[in-house]
Amino acid sequence: MAAAVVAAAGAAVAFTLPSMAGTAPSAGKAASAKSDVAPQILAAMARDLGVDSDQAAARLKRSAWASGVSAKLRAQTGADFGGAWLATDGTTLKIAVTDSGSVAAVKQAGAVPVLVKRSEQALVSAKEKLDAADAGKRITGWYVDVATNKVVVVATPGAADAARQWATNAGVKSDAVTVKTSSARPKTLADIRGADAYFIAVDGGTARCSVGFSVEGGFVTAGHCGAVGDKTFANAQGTAQGTVAASVFPGNADMGFVKVGAGFTPRAVVNDFEGNELPVAGSTEAPVGAAICRSGSTTGTRCGSILAKNQTVVYPEGQVTGLTRTNVCAEGGDSGGPWLSGDQAQGVTSGGSGDCTVGGETFFQPVNEILATDNLTLVTQEGSGAGGGEATDSAESAGDCTDQQVARTGDIQAGAAQAQPNGGAFRANAGRQTACLDAPAGADFDLALQRLTDRGFRTVAEATGNGDKTLSANVRSGTYRYVVVASAGAGAYTLGFSAP
């Protein structure tokens, strides 16, 4: 889709989205990549969350721990997993499961188990039914709320009953839905102010947007910043910079990628608009309830908490799915900018409601979805990237089977196939999955990673040939399973796998 503001022929009308990581160096002092968290992030968290710097650092450390634990339990419990979130204290990790048999594993991992009626996959399926229904103008969005084990529908005042009926008509049971009312109407956050901008030629005019995160070959930003093929410029004078190589908006994302030309070096920093550069070291996804910060050219660096994931938002331009909802404020000019949890990239600003005087809600597009969808590699301070491809099988990085989060065993006859874990499937965030397969001596067992689509399970990566197998694939969020196929030979095997 073209950028949100289009100029009349011969005129130069600009709009800005917040700028962060630049493809051209700024004069700010870079925070040390060796430090755990940039002090500017801790200061912003202290201001906005009402904590001191030590408490802010502790929350980020706890969030990183929670990300690993929830990913492991999501894979271990498979279809019984009901969601994960940090409580309002920012330290207590709660894991929902539908089977009491999984409670012990949750406790052993150091989390608090919560028995629920619906699995995470059941909630996602309910939300997808709403995604496919015409919401009209009185419903502004909906999302999965793992803490209440329901799908929340947001409607304008006076439209609550209509929203409930709409959800019922879409095929979602009434006890799985909560309706909330709000007069706020989300919009993409763009206006004519900003810094660290890049410019886009749009329908005879010029639009101005901001860089999100640097990736190899260019940078990511919001999809509503330009259509594929639009030319970008480094300044208002028209210095050629690059081309919009990928863009989605509206629809199932608000994501864009600009490929830059020679002379522009993507750097692993974001601008806090106070003369500093904050380091980017990776893209480990933070859980619901975690503290998070964003920066933008209008309101600078602001912090808050993640409220929900996989939200559908109804903008004036159309419906967008798969966004993350937060209580961080933002204003016009802040759209497109990066979100960080410590030094971990989380996403780019899509839009929101309210402002930083009265408060509001802001939504961002998860960055790992952009990396996986567009086959991109995030530029990081350590020089190694994160992301890089929808799916590739590899003998590297999978590790030994004992190093994986989850281990499953099976016994299979020649020519047969078995799905794991335990004949079922599991939900996973976007990012890299790794697996290894220990097969009987002399047997030829193949391993496939499959993702659930509207046409059933489809293979996204596989490892074939004789001997033991390893597999590594960078994939989008979704429901997955591993399939072991005995192409030749029979016997017992061990499968180990890890997911983000």
Protein backbone atom coordinates (compact mmCIF):
# COMPACT_ATOMS: atom_id res chain seq x y z
CA MET A 1 0.00 0.00 0.00
CA ALA A 2 1.19 3.53 -0.67
CA ALA A 3 2.25 5.75 2.20
CA ALA A 4 -0.52 7.28 4.27
CA VAL A 5 -0.09 10.83 2.94
CA VAL A 6 0.01 11.48 -0.78
CA ALA A 7 1.03 14.79 -2.30
CA ALA A 8 -0.70 16.49 -5.16
CA ALA A 9 1.34 16.76 -8.33
CA GLY A 10 4.13 19.27 -7.93
CA ALA A 11 3.68 19.61 -4.16
CA ALA A 12 5.86 18.22 -1.40
CA VAL A 13 3.72 16.99 1.47
CA ALA A 14 5.64 15.03 4.10
CA PHE A 15 4.68 12.85 7.00
CA THR A 16 6.97 11.36 9.58
CA LEU A 17 7.10 8.15 11.45
CA PRO A 18 9.47 7.95 14.41
CA SER A 19 13.10 7.41 13.67
CA MET A 20 15.43 5.06 15.46
CA ALA A 21 18.25 2.99 14.10
CA GLY A 22 19.75 4.78 11.16
CA THR A 23 21.57 3.70 8.06
CA ALA A 24 23.68 6.83 8.45
CA PRO A 25 25.65 7.32 11.70
CA SER A 26 24.52 10.02 14.10
CA ALA A 27 26.79 12.03 16.33
CA GLY A 28 25.43 10.49 19.53
CA LYS A 29 27.56 8.48 21.89
CA ALA A 30 26.98 4.75 21.60
CA ALA A 31 26.13 2.78 24.71
CA SER A 32 28.54 -0.04 25.34
CA ALA A 33 27.55 -3.33 23.76
CA LYS A 34 29.18 -5.04 26.75
CA SER A 35 26.77 -3.53 29.27
CA ASP A 36 23.69 -5.51 30.15
CA VAL A 37 21.25 -2.66 29.54
CA ALA A 38 21.80 0.86 28.26
CA PRO A 39 21.40 3.33 31.17
CA GLN A 40 19.03 5.42 29.06
CA ILE A 41 16.61 2.48 28.86
CA LEU A 42 16.78 2.00 32.65
CA ALA A 43 16.17 5.72 33.21
CA ALA A 44 13.12 5.71 30.93
CA MET A 45 11.75 2.60 32.66
CA ALA A 46 12.26 4.20 36.07
CA ARG A 47 10.36 7.30 34.96
CA ASP A 48 7.42 5.55 33.30
CA LEU A 49 7.08 2.44 35.50
CA GLY A 50 7.70 4.06 38.89
CA VAL A 51 10.70 1.88 39.75
CA ASP A 52 14.35 2.58 40.45
CA SER A 53 17.13 1.57 38.05
CA ASP A 54 17.98 -1.60 39.97
CA GLN A 55 14.35 -2.71 39.89
CA ALA A 56 14.18 -1.89 36.18
CA ALA A 57 17.26 -4.03 35.50
CA ALA A 58 15.79 -6.85 37.59
CA ARG A 59 12.55 -6.76 35.59
CA LEU A 60 14.43 -7.05 32.31
CA LYS A 61 16.50 -9.94 33.65
CA ARG A 62 13.34 -11.68 34.83
CA SER A 63 11.71 -11.08 31.45
CA ALA A 64 14.62 -12.75 29.66
CA TRP A 65 14.34 -15.74 32.01
CA ALA A 66 10.58 -15.90 31.47
CA SER A 67 11.01 -15.92 27.69
CA GLY A 68 13.17 -19.04 27.88
CA VAL A 69 10.98 -20.85 30.40
CA SER A 70 7.73 -20.13 28.54
CA ALA A 71 9.24 -21.26 25.23
CA LYS A 72 10.39 -24.53 26.79
CA LEU A 73 7.03 -25.21 28.45
CA ARG A 74 5.14 -24.27 25.29
CA ALA A 75 7.04 -27.00 23.47
CA GLN A 76 6.87 -29.50 26.35
CA THR A 77 3.13 -29.24 26.99
CA GLY A 78 2.17 -29.04 23.31
CA ALA A 79 -1.59 -28.88 22.78
CA ASP A 80 -2.17 -28.40 26.54
CA PHE A 81 -0.37 -25.03 26.60
CA GLY A 82 -2.74 -22.17 27.42
CA GLY A 83 -0.41 -19.17 27.36
CA ALA A 84 2.26 -17.41 29.43
CA TRP A 85 2.43 -14.00 31.06
CA LEU A 86 4.23 -12.04 33.74
CA ALA A 87 1.95 -10.83 36.54
CA THR A 88 1.57 -7.14 37.31
CA ASP A 89 4.55 -7.32 39.69
CA GLY A 90 6.72 -7.96 36.63
CA THR A 91 8.41 -10.99 38.21
CA THR A 92 5.85 -13.79 38.67
CA LEU A 93 5.62 -15.97 35.56
CA LYS A 94 2.26 -17.69 35.13
CA ILE A 95 1.78 -20.57 32.70
CA ALA A 96 -1.72 -21.71 31.72
CA VAL A 97 -2.32 -25.38 30.92
CA THR A 98 -5.47 -27.35 30.16
CA ASP A 99 -4.29 -30.64 31.69
CA SER A 100 -3.51 -31.06 35.39
CA GLY A 101 -0.83 -33.54 34.35
CA SER A 102 1.28 -30.60 33.16
CA VAL A 103 1.17 -28.75 36.49
CA ALA A 104 4.25 -30.48 37.91
CA ALA A 105 6.38 -29.51 34.90
CA VAL A 106 5.32 -25.87 35.25
CA LYS A 107 6.21 -25.81 38.95
CA GLN A 108 9.52 -27.52 38.32
CA ALA A 109 10.43 -24.79 35.83
CA GLY A 110 9.84 -22.13 38.49
CA ALA A 111 6.54 -20.78 37.14
CA VAL A 112 3.05 -20.65 38.64
CA PRO A 113 0.59 -23.05 36.93
CA VAL A 114 -2.94 -21.92 36.06
CA LEU A 115 -5.49 -24.53 34.97
CA VAL A 116 -7.70 -23.20 32.17
CA LYS A 117 -10.49 -24.41 29.91
CA ARG A 118 -9.08 -23.38 26.54
CA SER A 119 -5.64 -23.97 25.05
CA GLU A 120 -3.69 -21.18 23.38
CA GLN A 121 -4.39 -22.80 20.02
CA ALA A 122 -8.13 -22.85 20.77
CA LEU A 123 -8.01 -19.14 21.59
CA VAL A 124 -6.05 -18.39 18.42
CA SER A 125 -8.57 -20.39 16.37
CA ALA A 126 -11.41 -18.38 17.91
CA LYS A 127 -9.64 -15.13 17.08
CA GLU A 128 -9.06 -16.27 13.51
CA LYS A 129 -12.82 -16.73 13.13
CA LEU A 130 -13.21 -13.08 14.10
CA ASP A 131 -10.43 -12.10 11.69
CA ALA A 132 -12.48 -13.60 8.87
CA ALA A 133 -15.69 -11.75 9.83
CA ASP A 134 -16.72 -8.25 8.77
CA ALA A 135 -16.42 -6.16 11.94
CA GLY A 136 -18.12 -3.01 10.70
CA LYS A 137 -17.33 0.44 12.08
CA ARG A 138 -18.32 -0.02 15.75
CA ILE A 139 -15.69 -2.65 16.57
CA THR A 140 -12.09 -1.39 16.72
CA GLY A 141 -10.13 -4.56 17.46
CA TRP A 142 -9.83 -7.92 19.20
CA TYR A 143 -7.09 -9.99 20.78
CA VAL A 144 -6.27 -13.12 22.75
CA ASP A 145 -6.03 -12.44 26.50
CA VAL A 146 -4.18 -15.44 27.92
CA ALA A 147 -4.59 -14.19 31.51
CA THR A 148 -8.40 -14.48 31.33
CA ASN A 149 -8.34 -17.38 28.84
CA LYS A 150 -10.68 -15.48 26.53
CA VAL A 151 -10.76 -13.43 23.35
CA VAL A 152 -11.39 -9.75 24.07
CA VAL A 153 -13.40 -7.68 21.59
CA VAL A 154 -13.07 -3.89 21.79
CA ALA A 155 -16.16 -1.93 20.73
CA THR A 156 -17.23 1.69 20.79
CA PRO A 157 -19.56 2.81 23.62
CA GLY A 158 -23.09 1.53 23.11
CA ALA A 159 -21.99 -1.29 20.80
CA ALA A 160 -21.26 -4.00 23.40
CA ASP A 161 -24.36 -6.08 22.64
CA ALA A 162 -23.76 -5.80 18.91
CA ALA A 163 -20.15 -6.91 19.43
CA ARG A 164 -21.25 -10.00 21.36
CA GLN A 165 -23.71 -10.90 18.62
CA TRP A 166 -21.04 -10.34 15.98
CA ALA A 167 -18.70 -12.76 17.76
CA THR A 168 -21.48 -15.34 18.09
CA ASN A 169 -22.33 -15.02 14.41
CA ALA A 170 -18.66 -15.58 13.60
CA GLY A 171 -18.83 -18.95 15.37
CA VAL A 172 -17.14 -18.07 18.67
CA LYS A 173 -18.86 -19.35 21.82
CA SER A 174 -20.12 -16.63 24.13
CA ASP A 175 -18.23 -17.92 27.17
CA ALA A 176 -14.96 -17.49 25.26
CA VAL A 177 -15.52 -13.78 24.61
CA THR A 178 -15.23 -10.65 26.73
CA VAL A 179 -16.39 -7.32 25.30
CA LYS A 180 -14.76 -4.07 26.38
CA THR A 181 -15.81 -0.61 25.28
CA SER A 182 -13.56 2.30 24.44
CA SER A 183 -14.09 5.60 22.67
CA ALA A 184 -10.51 5.53 21.37
CA ARG A 185 -10.05 4.74 17.71
CA PRO A 186 -6.60 3.41 16.74
CA LYS A 187 -4.80 5.14 13.91
CA THR A 188 -1.39 4.93 12.33
CA LEU A 189 0.87 7.49 14.00
CA ALA A 190 2.15 9.86 11.34
CA ASP A 191 2.44 13.63 10.93
CA ILE A 192 4.87 16.19 9.49
CA ARG A 193 7.36 16.29 12.38
CA GLY A 194 10.36 14.10 13.07
CA ALA A 195 14.09 13.44 12.81
CA ASP A 196 16.39 10.85 11.28
CA ALA A 197 13.93 10.67 8.46
CA TYR A 198 14.01 9.09 5.06
CA PHE A 199 11.85 10.27 2.20
CA ILE A 200 9.65 8.34 -0.20
CA ALA A 201 8.48 9.33 -3.65
CA VAL A 202 4.71 8.74 -3.64
CA ASP A 203 2.35 9.50 -6.52
CA GLY A 204 4.05 12.68 -7.65
CA GLY A 205 4.83 13.91 -4.14
CA THR A 206 7.05 13.09 -1.20
CA ALA A 207 6.30 11.35 2.10
CA ARG A 208 8.65 11.20 5.06
CA CYS A 209 9.07 8.17 7.36
CA SER A 210 11.57 6.88 9.92
CA VAL A 211 13.89 3.91 10.06
CA GLY A 212 13.04 0.99 12.34
CA PHE A 213 15.87 -1.53 12.84
CA SER A 214 18.93 -2.08 10.68
CA VAL A 215 19.11 -5.39 8.83
CA GLU A 216 21.69 -6.67 6.39
CA GLY A 217 21.19 -4.68 3.21
CA GLY A 218 18.86 -2.05 4.63
CA PHE A 219 16.28 -1.49 7.35
CA VAL A 220 12.80 -2.53 8.46
CA THR A 221 9.96 -0.15 9.19
CA ALA A 222 6.17 0.03 9.12
CA GLY A 223 4.43 -1.25 6.00
CA HIS A 224 2.30 1.86 5.66
CA CYS A 225 5.46 3.81 4.79
CA GLY A 226 5.44 2.87 1.13
CA ALA A 227 4.59 0.34 -1.54
CA VAL A 228 6.99 -2.10 -3.17
CA GLY A 229 9.05 -0.25 -5.75
CA ASP A 230 8.80 3.19 -4.13
CA LYS A 231 12.13 5.02 -4.17
CA THR A 232 13.57 6.34 -0.91
CA PHE A 233 15.89 9.27 -0.31
CA ALA A 234 18.22 10.13 2.57
CA ASN A 235 17.17 13.77 2.74
CA ALA A 236 14.76 16.35 1.36
CA GLN A 237 17.33 17.31 -1.27
CA GLY A 238 16.79 13.95 -2.97
CA THR A 239 19.98 11.99 -2.25
CA ALA A 240 19.16 8.50 -3.49
CA GLN A 241 19.04 5.95 -0.65
CA GLY A 242 17.20 2.80 -1.70
CA THR A 243 13.96 1.11 -2.71
CA VAL A 244 11.03 -0.37 -0.80
CA ALA A 245 11.62 -4.07 -1.44
CA ALA A 246 8.76 -5.48 0.65
CA SER A 247 5.62 -4.00 2.17
CA VAL A 248 2.44 -5.32 3.77
CA PHE A 249 -0.37 -3.02 5.01
CA PRO A 250 -3.20 -3.47 5.75
CA GLY A 251 -3.86 -7.21 6.09
CA ASN A 252 -1.88 -9.75 8.08
CA ALA A 253 0.92 -7.32 9.02
CA ASP A 254 2.20 -3.74 9.03
CA MET A 255 5.75 -4.46 7.88
CA GLY A 256 8.16 -3.00 5.38
CA PHE A 257 11.76 -3.46 4.23
CA VAL A 258 13.87 -0.85 2.45
CA LYS A 259 16.93 -2.07 0.55
CA VAL A 260 19.62 0.61 0.60
CA GLY A 261 22.32 1.35 -1.94
CA ALA A 262 26.09 1.58 -1.69
CA GLY A 263 27.37 4.15 0.79
CA PHE A 264 24.79 3.40 3.49
CA THR A 265 25.96 1.15 6.31
CA PRO A 266 23.24 -0.36 8.54
CA ARG A 267 24.27 -0.02 12.20
CA ALA A 268 23.09 -1.93 15.27
CA VAL A 269 21.88 1.09 17.24
CA VAL A 270 18.71 3.04 17.93
CA ASN A 271 18.50 6.76 18.61
CA ASP A 272 17.00 7.81 21.96
CA PHE A 273 16.72 11.44 20.78
CA GLU A 274 18.80 12.62 23.72
CA GLY A 275 22.17 12.37 22.01
CA ASN A 276 22.69 8.66 22.67
CA GLU A 277 22.67 5.46 20.64
CA LEU A 278 21.21 2.35 22.26
CA PRO A 279 22.70 -1.04 21.30
CA VAL A 280 20.75 -3.82 19.59
CA ALA A 281 22.07 -7.27 20.51
CA GLY A 282 19.33 -9.65 19.32
CA SER A 283 15.59 -10.19 18.99
CA THR A 284 14.49 -12.56 21.77
CA GLU A 285 10.74 -12.02 22.15
CA ALA A 286 9.56 -10.74 25.55
CA PRO A 287 6.42 -12.28 27.15
CA VAL A 288 3.09 -10.66 27.95
CA GLY A 289 3.52 -8.53 31.07
CA ALA A 290 7.16 -7.70 30.37
CA ALA A 291 8.49 -4.16 30.50
CA ILE A 292 9.19 -2.63 27.10
CA CYS A 293 10.37 0.70 25.67
CA ARG A 294 9.98 2.50 22.37
CA SER A 295 11.50 5.65 20.97
CA GLY A 296 10.14 8.14 18.50
CA SER A 297 10.96 11.52 17.07
CA THR A 298 7.94 13.22 18.67
CA THR A 299 7.92 11.90 22.24
CA GLY A 300 11.39 10.37 22.64
CA THR A 301 11.88 7.21 24.67
CA ARG A 302 8.80 5.92 26.53
CA CYS A 303 8.23 2.70 28.46
CA GLY A 304 5.42 0.50 29.71
CA SER A 305 4.29 -3.11 29.54
CA ILE A 306 3.16 -5.64 26.95
CA LEU A 307 -0.59 -6.19 27.40
CA ALA A 308 -1.43 -8.76 24.72
CA LYS A 309 -0.13 -10.37 21.55
CA ASN A 310 -1.72 -11.34 18.25
CA GLN A 311 -4.13 -8.39 18.29
CA THR A 312 -6.24 -7.45 15.32
CA VAL A 313 -6.59 -3.66 14.96
CA VAL A 314 -9.11 -1.91 12.73
CA TYR A 315 -7.48 1.22 11.27
CA PRO A 316 -9.20 3.68 8.92
CA GLU A 317 -7.06 2.17 6.14
CA GLY A 318 -8.16 -1.38 6.95
CA GLN A 319 -7.77 -4.30 9.34
CA VAL A 320 -4.30 -5.46 10.49
CA THR A 321 -3.70 -8.74 12.33
CA GLY A 322 -0.81 -10.05 14.41
CA LEU A 323 0.11 -6.87 16.29
CA THR A 324 1.28 -6.57 19.91
CA ARG A 325 -0.71 -4.34 22.28
CA THR A 326 0.99 -2.16 24.93
CA ASN A 327 0.17 0.61 27.39
CA VAL A 328 3.07 2.75 26.16
CA CYS A 329 2.03 6.18 24.93
CA ALA A 330 2.85 7.52 21.49
CA GLU A 331 1.86 10.45 19.30
CA GLY A 332 1.82 11.51 15.69
CA GLY A 333 5.32 11.17 14.28
CA ASP A 334 6.19 8.13 16.44
CA SER A 335 5.01 5.49 13.96
CA GLY A 336 7.56 3.08 12.49
CA GLY A 337 10.09 3.36 15.32
CA PRO A 338 11.74 0.46 17.15
CA TRP A 339 10.70 -1.24 20.38
CA LEU A 340 13.28 -2.69 22.77
CA SER A 341 13.24 -4.98 25.78
CA GLY A 342 16.67 -4.21 27.20
CA ASP A 343 18.89 -4.63 24.14
CA GLN A 344 16.54 -7.06 22.38
CA ALA A 345 14.61 -5.80 19.34
CA GLN A 346 10.86 -6.41 19.64
CA GLY A 347 9.11 -4.63 16.77
CA VAL A 348 8.24 -1.43 14.92
CA THR A 349 5.43 0.95 15.83
CA SER A 350 2.24 0.48 13.85
CA GLY A 351 -0.31 2.83 15.44
CA GLY A 352 -2.40 3.54 18.51
CA SER A 353 -4.73 5.89 20.34
CA GLY A 354 -4.36 8.59 22.98
CA ASP A 355 -1.20 10.62 23.57
CA CYS A 356 1.60 11.09 26.09
CA THR A 357 -0.33 13.72 28.06
CA VAL A 358 -3.40 11.66 28.94
CA GLY A 359 -1.91 8.24 28.14
CA GLY A 360 -2.99 5.70 25.58
CA GLU A 361 -2.31 2.38 23.91
CA THR A 362 0.14 1.65 21.10
CA PHE A 363 0.52 -1.38 18.85
CA PHE A 364 3.68 -2.69 17.24
CA GLN A 365 4.52 -5.16 14.50
CA PRO A 366 6.75 -7.96 15.90
CA VAL A 367 10.19 -7.76 14.30
CA ASN A 368 10.81 -11.52 14.18
CA GLU A 369 7.81 -11.89 11.88
CA ILE A 370 9.40 -9.36 9.51
CA LEU A 371 12.76 -11.15 9.59
CA ALA A 372 11.20 -14.55 8.89
CA THR A 373 8.76 -13.34 6.24
CA ASP A 374 11.22 -11.26 4.23
CA ASN A 375 14.32 -13.46 4.76
CA LEU A 376 16.21 -10.73 6.62
CA THR A 377 19.03 -10.74 9.17
CA LEU A 378 19.02 -8.23 12.01
CA VAL A 379 22.28 -6.31 12.45
CA THR A 380 23.48 -6.67 16.05
CA GLN A 381 26.24 -5.20 18.19
CA GLU A 382 28.14 -8.49 18.35
CA GLY A 383 28.27 -8.66 14.57
CA SER A 384 26.11 -11.77 14.35
CA GLY A 385 22.61 -11.45 13.02
CA ALA A 386 19.25 -12.72 14.14
CA GLY A 387 16.67 -13.98 11.71
CA GLY A 388 17.38 -14.74 8.11
CA GLY A 389 14.88 -16.84 6.27
CA GLU A 390 11.45 -18.40 6.29
CA ALA A 391 12.89 -21.89 6.68
CA THR A 392 16.17 -23.60 5.92
CA ASP A 393 17.29 -26.99 7.08
CA SER A 394 20.84 -27.18 8.32
CA ALA A 395 23.23 -29.43 10.16
CA GLU A 396 24.53 -26.41 12.05
CA SER A 397 23.30 -24.84 15.29
CA ALA A 398 20.92 -27.65 16.18
CA GLY A 399 23.23 -28.96 18.89
CA ASP A 400 23.21 -32.34 20.59
CA CYS A 401 19.81 -33.89 21.37
CA THR A 402 20.50 -33.53 25.08
CA ASP A 403 20.87 -29.76 24.61
CA GLN A 404 17.31 -29.29 23.34
CA GLN A 405 14.35 -27.97 25.36
CA VAL A 406 12.18 -31.03 24.75
CA ALA A 407 12.97 -34.71 24.19
CA ARG A 408 10.53 -37.31 22.85
CA THR A 409 11.05 -40.98 22.03
CA GLY A 410 9.27 -43.33 19.69
CA ASP A 411 9.42 -46.68 17.93
CA ILE A 412 8.55 -46.85 14.26
CA GLN A 413 8.21 -49.47 11.54
CA ALA A 414 9.70 -49.15 8.05
CA GLY A 415 7.59 -46.96 5.78
CA ALA A 416 5.63 -45.43 8.68
CA ALA A 417 5.56 -41.87 10.04
CA GLN A 418 4.99 -40.44 13.52
CA ALA A 419 4.09 -36.88 14.58
CA GLN A 420 5.71 -35.34 17.64
CA PRO A 421 5.22 -34.23 20.33
CA ASN A 422 3.08 -37.24 21.23
CA GLY A 423 1.08 -37.25 18.02
CA GLY A 424 0.07 -33.61 18.49
CA ALA A 425 1.43 -30.13 17.84
CA PHE A 426 2.67 -27.04 19.69
CA ARG A 427 2.50 -23.24 19.40
CA ALA A 428 5.73 -21.30 18.82
CA ASN A 429 6.72 -17.67 18.51
CA ALA A 430 8.51 -16.41 15.42
CA GLY A 431 12.21 -17.19 15.39
CA ARG A 432 14.62 -20.08 15.03
CA GLN A 433 13.62 -23.66 15.80
CA THR A 434 16.25 -26.38 16.11
CA ALA A 435 15.89 -30.15 16.27
CA CYS A 436 17.94 -33.33 16.19
CA LEU A 437 17.01 -36.95 15.56
CA ASP A 438 18.95 -39.96 16.87
CA ALA A 439 18.00 -42.88 14.62
CA PRO A 440 18.87 -46.60 14.87
CA ALA A 441 22.16 -47.66 13.31
CA GLY A 442 21.77 -48.43 9.62
CA ALA A 443 18.28 -46.90 9.38
CA ASP A 444 17.25 -44.01 7.16
CA PHE A 445 14.89 -41.83 9.21
CA ASP A 446 13.90 -38.42 7.82
CA LEU A 447 12.75 -35.42 9.88
CA ALA A 448 10.28 -32.73 8.80
CA LEU A 449 9.08 -29.55 10.53
CA GLN A 450 5.50 -28.73 9.56
CA ARG A 451 3.37 -25.61 10.12
CA LEU A 452 -0.42 -25.64 10.37
CA THR A 453 -2.08 -23.64 7.57
CA ASP A 454 -5.66 -23.28 6.37
CA ARG A 455 -4.91 -26.22 4.08
CA GLY A 456 -3.56 -28.45 6.84
CA PHE A 457 0.04 -29.08 7.90
CA ARG A 458 2.69 -28.08 5.36
CA THR A 459 6.43 -28.87 5.53
CA VAL A 460 8.60 -25.77 6.03
CA ALA A 461 11.95 -27.50 6.64
CA GLU A 462 13.29 -31.04 6.47
CA ALA A 463 16.44 -33.11 6.95
CA THR A 464 16.87 -36.25 4.85
CA GLY A 465 19.49 -38.89 4.12
CA ASN A 466 21.21 -41.58 6.15
CA GLY A 467 22.28 -41.31 9.79
CA ASP A 468 21.26 -38.95 12.57
CA LYS A 469 19.64 -35.66 11.59
CA THR A 470 19.86 -32.03 12.67
CA LEU A 471 17.56 -29.25 11.53
CA SER A 472 17.52 -25.49 12.01
CA ALA A 473 14.82 -23.20 10.60
CA ASN A 474 13.83 -19.57 11.10
CA VAL A 475 10.04 -19.53 10.89
CA ARG A 476 6.98 -17.39 11.57
CA SER A 477 4.82 -17.79 14.65
CA GLY A 478 2.21 -20.52 14.45
CA THR A 479 1.31 -24.11 15.27
CA TYR A 480 4.00 -26.68 14.46
CA ARG A 481 4.78 -30.36 14.66
CA TYR A 482 7.74 -32.59 13.83
CA VAL A 483 7.23 -35.70 11.70
CA VAL A 484 9.64 -38.64 11.80
CA VAL A 485 9.53 -40.80 8.67
CA ALA A 486 11.15 -44.26 8.51
CA SER A 487 12.23 -44.27 4.86
CA ALA A 488 14.28 -47.42 5.44
CA GLY A 489 14.77 -49.58 8.51
CA ALA A 490 12.86 -49.59 11.78
CA GLY A 491 13.38 -49.18 15.51
CA ALA A 492 13.50 -46.73 18.38
CA TYR A 493 14.51 -43.08 18.01
CA THR A 494 14.97 -39.96 20.13
CA LEU A 495 13.83 -36.53 18.94
CA GLY A 496 15.00 -33.35 20.65
CA PHE A 497 13.75 -29.90 19.70
CA SER A 498 13.72 -26.28 20.86
CA ALA A 499 11.45 -23.40 19.86
CA PRO A 500 11.36 -19.65 20.65
